[in-house]
Protein backbone atom coordinates (compact mmCIF):
# COMPACT_ATOMS: atom_id res chain seq x y z
CA MET A 1 0.00 0.00 0.00
CA ARG A 2 2.83 2.37 0.90
CA ILE A 3 4.54 1.57 -2.41
CA LYS A 4 1.36 2.46 -4.35
CA VAL A 5 1.07 5.76 -2.45
CA GLN A 6 4.72 6.55 -3.19
CA ILE A 7 4.22 5.77 -6.88
CA SER A 8 1.11 7.98 -7.00
CA PHE A 9 3.01 10.78 -5.29
CA LEU A 10 5.84 10.48 -7.80
CA LYS A 11 3.35 10.63 -10.68
CA ILE A 12 1.79 13.79 -9.25
CA LEU A 13 5.23 15.31 -8.65
CA CYS A 14 6.31 14.56 -12.23
CA PHE A 15 3.05 16.06 -13.51
CA PHE A 16 3.64 19.36 -11.71
CA LEU A 17 7.32 19.44 -12.65
CA PHE A 18 6.38 18.94 -16.30
CA PHE A 19 3.84 21.74 -16.35
CA SER A 20 6.02 24.10 -14.34
CA LYS A 21 8.71 23.57 -16.97
CA LEU A 22 6.20 24.09 -19.76
CA TYR A 23 4.97 27.41 -18.42
CA SER A 24 8.37 28.60 -17.21
CA GLN A 25 9.03 29.34 -20.88
CA GLU A 26 7.65 32.82 -20.26
CA PHE A 27 8.53 35.46 -17.67
CA SER A 28 7.68 39.12 -17.44
CA ASN A 29 8.19 42.49 -15.82
CA THR A 30 5.71 45.32 -15.33
CA VAL A 31 6.71 48.97 -14.92
CA GLU A 32 4.74 52.14 -14.29
CA LEU A 33 4.47 54.25 -17.42
CA LYS A 34 2.28 57.23 -18.16
CA LEU A 35 1.66 57.60 -21.88
CA PRO A 36 -0.73 60.23 -23.25
CA ILE A 37 -2.82 57.94 -25.43
CA HIS A 38 -4.18 60.59 -27.78
CA SER A 39 -0.74 62.12 -28.42
CA LEU A 40 0.98 58.91 -29.50
CA THR A 41 1.39 58.51 -33.25
CA GLU A 42 3.99 55.77 -33.79
CA ASN A 43 5.93 53.22 -31.76
CA PHE A 44 8.36 50.36 -32.29
CA SER A 45 10.64 47.95 -30.47
CA LEU A 46 14.09 46.61 -31.32
CA VAL A 47 16.87 44.51 -29.80
CA ASP A 48 20.45 45.83 -29.88
CA LYS A 49 23.59 43.71 -30.24
CA SER A 50 24.03 43.42 -26.47
CA GLY A 51 20.58 41.85 -26.13
CA HIS A 52 18.89 44.92 -24.63
CA ILE A 53 15.30 45.63 -25.63
CA HIS A 54 14.33 49.17 -26.62
CA TYR A 55 10.87 50.73 -26.88
CA VAL A 56 10.41 54.05 -28.64
CA TYR A 57 7.12 55.98 -28.50
CA LYS A 58 6.70 58.94 -30.84
CA LEU A 59 4.29 61.59 -29.59
CA TYR A 60 3.29 64.90 -31.15
CA ASP A 61 6.12 66.94 -29.66
CA HIS A 62 8.51 64.47 -28.03
CA ILE A 63 9.92 60.94 -27.99
CA ARG A 64 9.84 58.50 -25.08
CA HIS A 65 12.59 55.84 -24.98
CA LEU A 66 12.76 52.85 -22.62
CA GLU A 67 15.61 50.35 -22.40
CA PHE A 68 15.42 46.92 -20.73
CA ASP A 69 18.22 44.44 -20.21
CA GLU A 70 18.07 40.74 -21.10
CA ASN A 71 16.39 40.04 -17.72
CA LEU A 72 13.68 42.61 -18.52
CA THR A 73 14.98 45.04 -15.89
CA LEU A 74 14.30 48.68 -16.80
CA LEU A 75 17.65 50.46 -17.29
CA ASN A 76 16.65 53.76 -18.82
CA ASP A 77 13.55 55.91 -19.30
CA SER A 78 14.17 59.12 -21.23
CA GLU A 79 12.16 61.84 -22.97
CA TYR A 80 13.36 63.98 -25.87
CA ASN A 81 11.48 67.16 -26.82
CA ASN A 82 11.44 68.45 -30.39
CA THR A 83 8.71 69.95 -32.55
CA LEU A 84 10.24 68.50 -35.75
CA ILE A 85 8.88 65.11 -34.72
CA SER A 86 5.26 66.11 -35.26
CA GLN A 87 5.90 67.05 -38.90
CA GLN A 88 7.54 63.82 -40.09
CA ASN A 89 6.96 60.07 -40.07
CA ILE A 90 9.35 57.39 -38.87
CA ILE A 91 10.39 55.29 -41.88
CA GLY A 92 13.26 53.37 -40.27
CA TYR A 93 15.39 52.81 -37.19
CA GLU A 94 18.49 51.03 -35.95
CA ALA A 95 20.67 50.46 -32.87
CA THR A 96 24.39 51.11 -33.34
CA ASP A 97 27.47 49.50 -31.76
CA LYS A 98 27.85 52.70 -29.72
CA ARG A 99 24.43 52.07 -28.08
CA GLU A 100 22.80 54.86 -30.06
CA ILE A 101 19.23 54.60 -31.28
CA ARG A 102 18.71 56.19 -34.68
CA LEU A 103 15.32 57.18 -36.05
CA TYR A 104 15.04 57.91 -39.75
CA VAL A 105 12.16 60.25 -40.52
CA SER A 106 10.74 61.71 -43.70
CA THR A 107 7.89 63.81 -45.02
CA ASN A 108 4.91 62.15 -46.65
CA ASN A 109 6.25 62.71 -50.16
CA LYS A 110 9.60 61.09 -49.25
CA ARG A 111 11.50 64.12 -50.57
CA ASN A 112 13.37 65.05 -47.38
CA PHE A 113 15.11 62.73 -44.92
CA THR A 114 16.42 63.35 -41.40
CA VAL A 115 18.10 61.18 -38.77
CA LEU A 116 17.38 61.65 -35.05
CA THR A 117 19.96 60.08 -32.75
CA LEU A 118 19.13 59.20 -29.13
CA PHE A 119 22.22 58.80 -26.98
CA LYS A 120 22.92 59.35 -23.26
CA ASN A 121 19.70 61.29 -22.75
CA ALA A 122 20.55 63.70 -25.56
CA LEU A 123 18.90 64.15 -28.95
CA SER A 124 20.88 65.14 -32.05
CA ILE A 125 19.37 65.91 -35.45
CA ALA A 126 21.03 65.76 -38.86
CA LYS A 127 19.70 66.26 -42.38
CA ILE A 128 20.42 63.45 -44.84
CA ASN A 129 21.63 64.44 -48.29
CA LEU A 130 19.39 62.13 -50.29
CA LYS A 131 17.29 63.09 -53.30
CA LEU A 132 15.32 60.39 -55.12
CA LYS A 133 15.38 62.09 -58.49
CA GLY A 134 13.62 60.07 -61.19
CA GLU A 135 13.14 57.21 -58.71
CA LYS A 136 10.14 55.77 -56.94
CA PRO A 137 10.56 54.34 -53.40
CA ILE A 138 9.25 50.78 -53.33
CA LYS A 139 10.15 49.42 -49.88
CA THR A 140 11.88 50.25 -46.61
CA ILE A 141 13.44 47.43 -44.61
CA ASN A 142 14.45 47.31 -40.96
CA TYR A 143 16.46 44.15 -40.42
CA ASN A 144 19.34 43.03 -38.22
CA ASN A 145 19.85 46.58 -36.90
CA LYS A 146 20.21 48.01 -40.37
CA PHE A 147 17.91 50.29 -42.33
CA TYR A 148 17.53 50.01 -46.12
CA LEU A 149 15.45 51.89 -48.66
CA LEU A 150 14.78 50.35 -52.08
CA SER A 151 13.76 52.39 -55.10
CA ILE A 152 13.40 51.81 -58.81
CA ASN A 153 14.17 54.16 -61.67
CA LYS A 154 10.94 55.24 -63.30
CA GLY A 155 10.27 53.55 -66.64
CA SER A 156 13.30 51.25 -66.31
CA SER A 157 14.48 47.95 -64.82
CA THR A 158 17.13 49.39 -62.46
CA ILE A 159 16.78 48.82 -58.70
CA ASN A 160 18.61 51.03 -56.20
CA VAL A 161 19.40 50.03 -52.62
CA TYR A 162 20.24 52.77 -50.09
CA ILE A 163 22.06 51.61 -46.95
CA PHE A 164 21.76 54.14 -44.10
CA GLU A 165 24.52 54.85 -41.59
CA GLY A 166 23.38 57.92 -39.68
CA LYS A 167 23.46 60.92 -41.99
CA HIS A 168 25.62 58.98 -44.46
CA VAL A 169 23.92 56.88 -47.13
CA GLU A 170 25.55 54.37 -49.47
CA LYS A 171 23.81 53.75 -52.80
CA LYS A 172 24.09 50.47 -54.70
CA VAL A 173 22.72 50.16 -58.23
CA TYR A 174 21.43 46.93 -59.81
CA PRO A 175 20.52 47.26 -63.52
CA PHE A 176 18.33 44.50 -64.97
CA ASN A 177 17.81 46.23 -68.30
CA THR A 178 18.95 43.21 -70.35
CA GLU A 179 16.39 40.96 -68.66
CA VAL A 180 12.97 40.52 -70.29
CA PHE A 181 10.00 41.10 -67.97
CA LEU A 182 6.54 39.94 -69.04
CA ASN A 183 3.13 40.45 -67.49
CA TRP A 184 0.31 37.90 -66.98
CA THR A 185 -0.67 38.16 -70.65
CA ASN A 186 3.00 37.88 -71.81
CA ASP A 187 3.42 41.52 -72.85
CA ALA A 188 6.94 42.93 -72.37
CA LEU A 189 7.33 45.81 -69.92
CA PRO A 190 10.03 47.36 -67.70
CA LEU A 191 10.51 46.04 -64.17
CA SER A 192 9.22 49.33 -62.76
CA GLU A 193 5.80 48.56 -64.25
CA VAL A 194 5.80 45.17 -62.50
CA ILE A 195 7.00 46.31 -59.08
CA THR A 196 5.10 49.56 -58.63
CA LYS A 197 1.74 47.95 -59.37
CA GLN A 198 2.07 45.14 -56.82
CA ASN A 199 2.22 44.89 -53.06
CA ILE A 200 5.74 44.02 -51.87
CA GLU A 201 6.31 42.09 -48.64
CA PHE A 202 9.56 41.78 -46.69
CA ILE A 203 9.89 38.25 -45.28
CA GLU A 204 11.57 38.03 -41.87
CA PRO A 205 13.50 34.73 -41.69
CA ASN A 206 12.18 31.64 -39.92
CA ILE A 207 9.20 32.99 -38.03
CA PRO A 208 5.57 31.88 -38.37
CA LEU A 209 4.06 33.81 -41.27
CA PRO A 210 0.43 34.34 -42.23
CA ILE A 211 -0.89 33.49 -45.68
CA GLU A 212 -2.08 37.11 -45.77
CA GLN A 213 1.56 38.17 -46.00
CA THR A 214 3.11 35.41 -48.09
CA SER A 215 0.36 35.64 -50.70
CA SER A 216 1.95 38.83 -52.00
CA PRO A 217 3.20 38.23 -55.59
CA ILE A 218 6.47 40.07 -54.86
CA LYS A 219 8.55 39.28 -51.78
CA ILE A 220 11.96 40.33 -50.48
CA TYR A 221 14.11 37.93 -48.46
CA PRO A 222 17.38 38.64 -46.60
CA ASN A 223 19.96 35.92 -47.18
CA ALA A 224 23.54 36.38 -45.89
CA ASP A 225 24.88 39.39 -47.85
CA ASN A 226 22.00 39.33 -50.31
CA LEU A 227 18.56 40.76 -50.72
CA ILE A 228 16.53 38.38 -52.89
CA LEU A 229 13.36 39.41 -54.71
CA THR A 230 10.93 36.78 -55.97
CA LEU A 231 8.39 37.79 -58.62
CA ASN A 232 5.21 35.76 -59.11
CA HIS A 233 3.28 38.18 -61.28
CA ARG A 234 2.75 35.62 -64.09
CA ARG A 235 1.68 31.96 -64.11
CA GLU A 236 4.62 30.44 -66.02
CA GLU A 237 7.55 31.01 -63.64
CA THR A 238 9.03 32.49 -60.51
CA LYS A 239 11.64 35.08 -61.42
CA ILE A 240 14.36 35.52 -58.78
CA LEU A 241 16.48 38.69 -58.58
CA ILE A 242 19.54 38.39 -56.31
CA LEU A 243 21.13 41.65 -55.12
CA ASN A 244 24.53 41.22 -53.47
CA LEU A 245 25.03 44.02 -50.94
CA SER A 246 28.79 43.42 -50.63
CA ASP A 247 30.00 43.58 -54.22
CA SER A 248 26.91 45.13 -55.89
CA GLU A 249 26.64 42.15 -58.27
CA SER A 250 23.27 40.78 -59.34
CA LYS A 251 21.89 37.52 -60.70
CA VAL A 252 18.62 36.37 -62.26
CA LYS A 253 17.12 32.90 -62.02
CA ASN A 254 13.91 31.65 -63.63
CA ILE A 255 12.21 28.65 -62.03
CA PRO A 256 9.23 27.18 -63.97
CA MET A 257 6.02 26.83 -61.98
CA PRO A 258 4.58 23.34 -61.36
CA ASN A 259 2.24 22.65 -64.25
CA LEU A 260 -1.33 21.37 -64.30
CA GLU A 261 -1.04 19.54 -67.61
CA PHE A 262 -2.56 16.39 -66.13
CA ILE A 263 -5.95 18.10 -66.39
CA ASN A 264 -5.09 20.18 -69.48
CA GLU A 265 -5.77 23.55 -67.85
CA LYS A 266 -3.75 26.58 -66.82
CA ALA A 267 -3.42 27.74 -63.22
CA HIS A 268 -5.77 30.40 -61.89
CA ARG A 269 -3.47 31.21 -58.96
CA ILE A 270 0.26 30.71 -58.39
CA ASN A 271 2.84 31.71 -55.80
CA SER A 272 6.11 30.71 -54.18
CA PHE A 273 8.13 30.98 -50.97
CA LEU A 274 11.91 31.01 -50.65
CA PHE A 275 13.39 29.25 -47.62
CA GLN A 276 17.19 29.17 -47.46
CA ASN A 277 18.13 27.96 -50.98
CA LYS A 278 14.91 26.05 -51.64
CA LEU A 279 12.00 27.47 -53.59
CA PHE A 280 8.52 26.18 -52.66
CA GLN A 281 5.98 26.74 -55.46
CA VAL A 282 2.29 26.08 -55.84
CA SER A 283 -0.13 26.29 -58.79
CA ALA A 284 -3.88 25.99 -58.26
CA LEU A 285 -7.26 26.05 -59.96
CA PRO A 286 -10.68 24.87 -58.76
CA LYS A 287 -10.08 21.32 -60.03
CA ALA A 288 -6.46 20.64 -59.01
CA MET A 289 -3.27 21.77 -57.32
CA SER A 290 0.45 21.10 -57.88
CA PHE A 291 3.22 21.74 -55.37
CA GLN A 292 6.97 21.44 -55.85
CA ILE A 293 10.29 22.20 -54.14
CA THR A 294 13.36 23.22 -56.17
CA ASN A 295 16.99 23.83 -55.21
CA ILE A 296 17.71 27.29 -56.66
CA GLU A 297 21.46 26.65 -56.80
CA SER A 298 21.41 23.38 -58.77
CA LEU A 299 17.89 23.94 -60.22
CA GLU A 300 17.13 20.34 -59.22
CA ASN A 301 13.49 19.56 -58.56
CA ILE A 302 13.53 17.65 -55.27
CA SER A 303 9.86 17.18 -54.40
CA ASN A 304 6.54 17.07 -56.30
CA TYR A 305 2.91 16.59 -55.26
CA SER A 306 -0.27 16.91 -57.34
CA PHE A 307 -3.93 16.14 -56.65
CA THR A 308 -7.39 16.80 -58.02
CA GLU A 309 -10.64 17.86 -56.38
CA ASP A 310 -11.70 14.23 -55.96
CA GLU A 311 -8.51 13.16 -54.14
CA PRO A 312 -7.27 13.72 -50.58
CA ILE A 313 -4.48 16.28 -50.16
CA PRO A 314 -1.37 14.06 -50.14
CA PHE A 315 0.74 16.25 -47.85
CA LYS A 316 -1.90 17.21 -45.28
CA ASN A 317 -0.96 16.98 -41.54
CA SER A 318 -3.90 18.96 -40.19
CA PRO A 319 -7.53 19.60 -40.95
CA ILE A 320 -8.28 22.25 -43.57
CA TYR A 321 -8.78 25.40 -41.51
CA GLU A 322 -10.89 28.44 -42.23
CA GLU A 323 -9.46 30.90 -39.74
CA ALA A 324 -11.37 33.53 -37.76
CA ASN A 325 -9.53 36.60 -36.52
CA LEU A 326 -8.60 37.30 -32.89
CA LEU A 327 -11.00 40.21 -32.37
CA SER A 328 -14.07 38.52 -33.83
CA ASN A 329 -16.44 36.18 -32.04
CA ASP A 330 -16.21 33.65 -34.85
CA LYS A 331 -14.51 30.32 -34.32
CA THR A 332 -12.04 28.62 -36.61
CA LYS A 333 -13.88 26.23 -38.90
CA GLU A 334 -12.71 22.96 -40.42
CA ILE A 335 -13.39 22.11 -44.06
CA GLU A 336 -13.73 18.44 -44.96
CA LYS A 337 -13.72 18.30 -48.75
CA THR A 338 -10.73 18.90 -51.03
CA LYS A 339 -13.12 20.34 -53.60
CA LYS A 340 -14.18 23.17 -51.29
CA PHE A 341 -10.56 23.91 -50.34
CA LEU A 342 -9.50 24.17 -53.99
CA ARG A 343 -12.48 26.33 -54.89
CA LYS A 344 -11.71 28.78 -52.07
CA VAL A 345 -7.95 29.08 -52.64
CA SER A 346 -8.43 29.46 -56.40
CA ASN A 347 -10.58 32.53 -55.80
CA THR A 348 -8.32 34.16 -53.22
CA ASP A 349 -4.70 35.28 -52.98
CA LEU A 350 -2.72 32.03 -52.90
CA GLY A 351 0.31 31.76 -50.62
CA ILE A 352 2.85 29.44 -48.95
CA ALA A 353 4.58 29.93 -45.60
CA VAL A 354 7.58 27.89 -44.40
CA TYR A 355 9.55 27.87 -41.17
CA GLN A 356 11.72 25.26 -39.49
CA THR A 357 11.67 23.74 -36.00
CA ASN A 358 14.47 21.26 -35.35
CA ASN A 359 14.57 19.01 -38.44
CA ILE A 360 10.98 19.63 -39.49
CA LEU A 361 9.71 22.11 -42.04
CA ASN A 362 6.31 23.53 -41.08
CA ILE A 363 4.49 24.46 -44.27
CA SER A 364 1.14 26.21 -44.67
CA ILE A 365 -0.59 26.45 -48.04
CA GLY A 366 -3.80 28.38 -48.55
CA GLY A 367 -5.47 31.57 -49.66
CA SER A 368 -6.64 34.88 -48.25
CA LYS A 369 -8.28 38.13 -49.29
CA GLU A 370 -7.80 39.93 -46.01
CA LEU A 371 -4.46 41.68 -46.62
CA ASN A 372 -4.68 45.48 -46.73
CA PRO A 373 -1.38 46.39 -48.42
CA ASP A 374 0.53 49.59 -47.93
CA MET A 375 0.56 50.71 -51.54
CA ASN A 376 3.57 53.02 -51.26
CA GLY A 377 5.68 50.30 -49.70
CA ILE A 378 7.09 52.57 -47.01
CA VAL A 379 5.25 52.09 -43.71
CA THR A 380 2.40 49.76 -42.89
CA ALA A 381 0.47 50.19 -39.66
CA GLY A 382 -2.85 48.75 -38.58
CA ILE A 383 -4.65 47.95 -35.39
CA LEU A 384 -2.67 45.74 -33.04
CA PHE A 385 -4.26 44.58 -29.78
CA GLY A 386 -6.59 47.59 -29.91
CA ALA A 387 -10.31 48.14 -30.17
CA ILE A 388 -11.50 48.40 -33.75
CA GLY A 389 -12.32 51.99 -34.64
CA ALA A 390 -10.33 53.48 -31.77
CA ALA A 391 -7.35 55.79 -32.22
CA VAL A 392 -4.83 53.05 -31.69
CA TYR A 393 -1.56 52.95 -33.59
CA ALA A 394 0.21 49.73 -34.37
CA SER A 395 3.88 49.10 -33.97
CA LEU A 396 6.20 49.82 -36.88
CA SER A 397 8.22 46.73 -35.95
CA PRO A 398 7.99 44.16 -38.77
CA THR A 399 7.44 41.20 -36.41
CA SER A 400 4.54 43.03 -34.77
CA ARG A 401 2.92 43.63 -38.13
CA THR A 402 3.40 39.98 -39.09
CA TYR A 403 1.71 38.87 -35.87
CA ASP A 404 -1.05 41.41 -36.44
CA LEU A 405 -1.78 39.90 -39.86
CA TYR A 406 -1.49 36.38 -38.45
CA THR A 407 -4.19 36.94 -35.83
CA ASN A 408 -6.49 39.52 -37.41
CA SER A 409 -7.21 38.19 -40.88
CA LYS A 410 -9.12 35.26 -42.28
CA SER A 411 -7.60 32.60 -44.49
CA VAL A 412 -8.20 29.05 -45.64
CA TYR A 413 -5.16 26.80 -45.33
CA VAL A 414 -3.75 23.40 -44.54
CA LYS A 415 -0.63 22.62 -42.49
CA SER A 416 2.04 20.18 -43.63
CA LEU A 417 5.16 18.65 -42.12
CA PHE A 418 8.18 17.94 -44.30
CA SER A 419 11.59 16.52 -43.51
CA ALA A 420 14.30 19.20 -43.65
CA GLN A 421 16.65 16.54 -45.11
CA SER A 422 14.58 14.62 -47.67
CA PHE A 423 11.99 17.38 -48.35
CA GLN A 424 9.25 14.76 -48.38
CA ASN A 425 6.04 14.83 -46.39
CA ILE A 426 6.28 13.01 -43.04
CA GLU A 427 3.70 11.70 -40.61
CA GLY A 428 2.73 13.63 -37.50
CA ASN A 429 0.39 16.30 -36.24
CA ALA A 430 1.16 19.97 -36.80
CA SER A 431 1.70 21.61 -33.40
CA LYS A 432 1.19 25.18 -32.24
CA ASN A 433 3.87 27.68 -33.18
CA SER A 434 5.24 30.64 -31.22
CA PHE A 435 2.56 33.04 -32.47
CA ASP A 436 -0.16 30.58 -31.50
CA LYS A 437 1.30 30.50 -27.96
CA ILE A 438 1.38 34.30 -27.76
CA ARG A 439 -2.22 34.40 -28.98
CA ASP A 440 -3.17 31.85 -26.29
CA PHE A 441 -1.44 34.06 -23.72
CA ILE A 442 -3.37 37.13 -24.91
CA GLN A 443 -6.68 35.27 -24.77
CA LYS A 444 -5.92 33.69 -21.39
CA HIS A 445 -5.15 37.08 -19.83
CA ASP A 446 -7.90 38.91 -21.76
CA LEU A 447 -5.46 41.30 -23.45
CA LYS A 448 -7.25 41.68 -26.77
CA ARG A 449 -8.10 45.34 -26.09
CA THR A 450 -4.79 46.60 -24.77
CA ASN A 451 -2.76 49.35 -26.44
CA PHE A 452 0.60 49.67 -28.17
CA GLY A 453 1.37 45.99 -28.54
CA ASN A 454 4.86 45.08 -29.72
CA ILE A 455 6.37 41.73 -30.64
CA THR A 456 10.10 41.44 -31.29
CA LYS A 457 12.22 38.45 -32.31
CA TYR A 458 14.68 37.65 -29.52
CA ASP A 459 17.25 34.85 -29.98
CA ASN A 460 15.13 31.69 -30.34
CA GLY A 461 12.03 33.29 -28.86
CA PHE A 462 10.00 36.49 -28.82
CA ILE A 463 9.47 39.54 -26.59
CA PHE A 464 5.85 40.66 -26.30
CA SER A 465 4.85 43.94 -24.64
CA TYR A 466 1.56 45.71 -24.04
CA TYR A 467 0.30 48.85 -22.30
CA LEU A 468 -2.67 49.04 -19.93
CA LYS A 469 -4.07 52.58 -20.03
CA LYS A 470 -6.21 52.11 -16.92
CA ASN A 471 -3.29 50.97 -14.76
CA LYS A 472 -0.69 53.14 -16.55
CA GLU A 473 1.57 50.09 -16.81
CA LEU A 474 3.80 48.59 -19.46
CA THR A 475 4.29 44.83 -19.27
CA VAL A 476 7.12 43.06 -21.10
CA VAL A 477 6.92 39.28 -21.52
CA LYS A 478 9.67 36.98 -22.82
CA PHE A 479 8.71 33.73 -24.58
CA GLU A 480 11.61 31.29 -24.94
């Protein structure tokens, strides 16, 4: 009898140890913070090279800057007054090796640029000598504590990349004038006509991504010293433009799309996703879908799957989901029939998302119409953790925007698991990702209506912060 009691006690002990370990993956700190809600216009978070987390709040006439260490201890809380701030928008930011925080601001027409530097409780301002003459800005990128602005020469196929270093800007030019660019109906046109008429998404590496973001026909990926653009504006191929930031060299690769010849029809929707040096492509119409993986270095096709409306999806590791957003009262639905899945994705914006955990590739394929693109490609902000219709401003941080799209849009998709070695579908159930866990945390603590939410990539986890107006408190939570 005593042995049975001891065994039961050990079971209970193991149970509590397991769950304490599970939930010890998150810890937090809350600090008092008075923010004038109606004066705040923009905010963002970033992590510097020492692992410190910075929060910057832009108000009408001043900037508030908070710095936390890796243990989420508040190290600095500073305010910087300047009326220039109210007249310009933040288009970029970075943390330097000298522990400076730089804010790059510009007017709405992107004709004038200024850098504001926050350092040791002092604010310095410098004009940037940059004139985009005959160029159209197409995207700004904040990545790895660097700020880039991409433009294209009007009526041409030349891309320019500006790399900011305080008031100094380095320009790199990538001419693609010898390359032929075609539209959906195979008419020749300059690259500027392709890029300026499409939404462009920057893809942050190896984080969960919503279909709403990856369904963009033009995407930019950072890869070592390269920026890589993928163009899926026509059904026949994915065109890849590789811009080397070190030597200013460029390359072009054309990867044919998976065909639907087995039913003698052309695709209604196509798209791709670049993960490391593998290109994941999908072609779909209401009757069928084809999916393939290609090595972009060797051009070897390493995986292929096709199915029709009457067949089960051969790479499915989850139900077919029809997602409801975080702020609605709707519940996520499950779709049973392949036919309905194909019909829906063929009439929406088709997309693929890929990220890796251990030796498993987590792949989502589906469609969405919920993306509200920023048509000028410079700054995108929406409602993040705020009441719909209220004067709430979302974070400018790219990870925050990705999470915002992940939780506040509707899409139809299926999850798949692939081996990161063989690139073939494997058995198993798709588990919750980091964004799912943050969403569970928000729902558990009833944080859907909080203000100024920020999510930042931190090592192998994320930092999530939110502000409670009623309590005048900022809470910072680390998920590892």
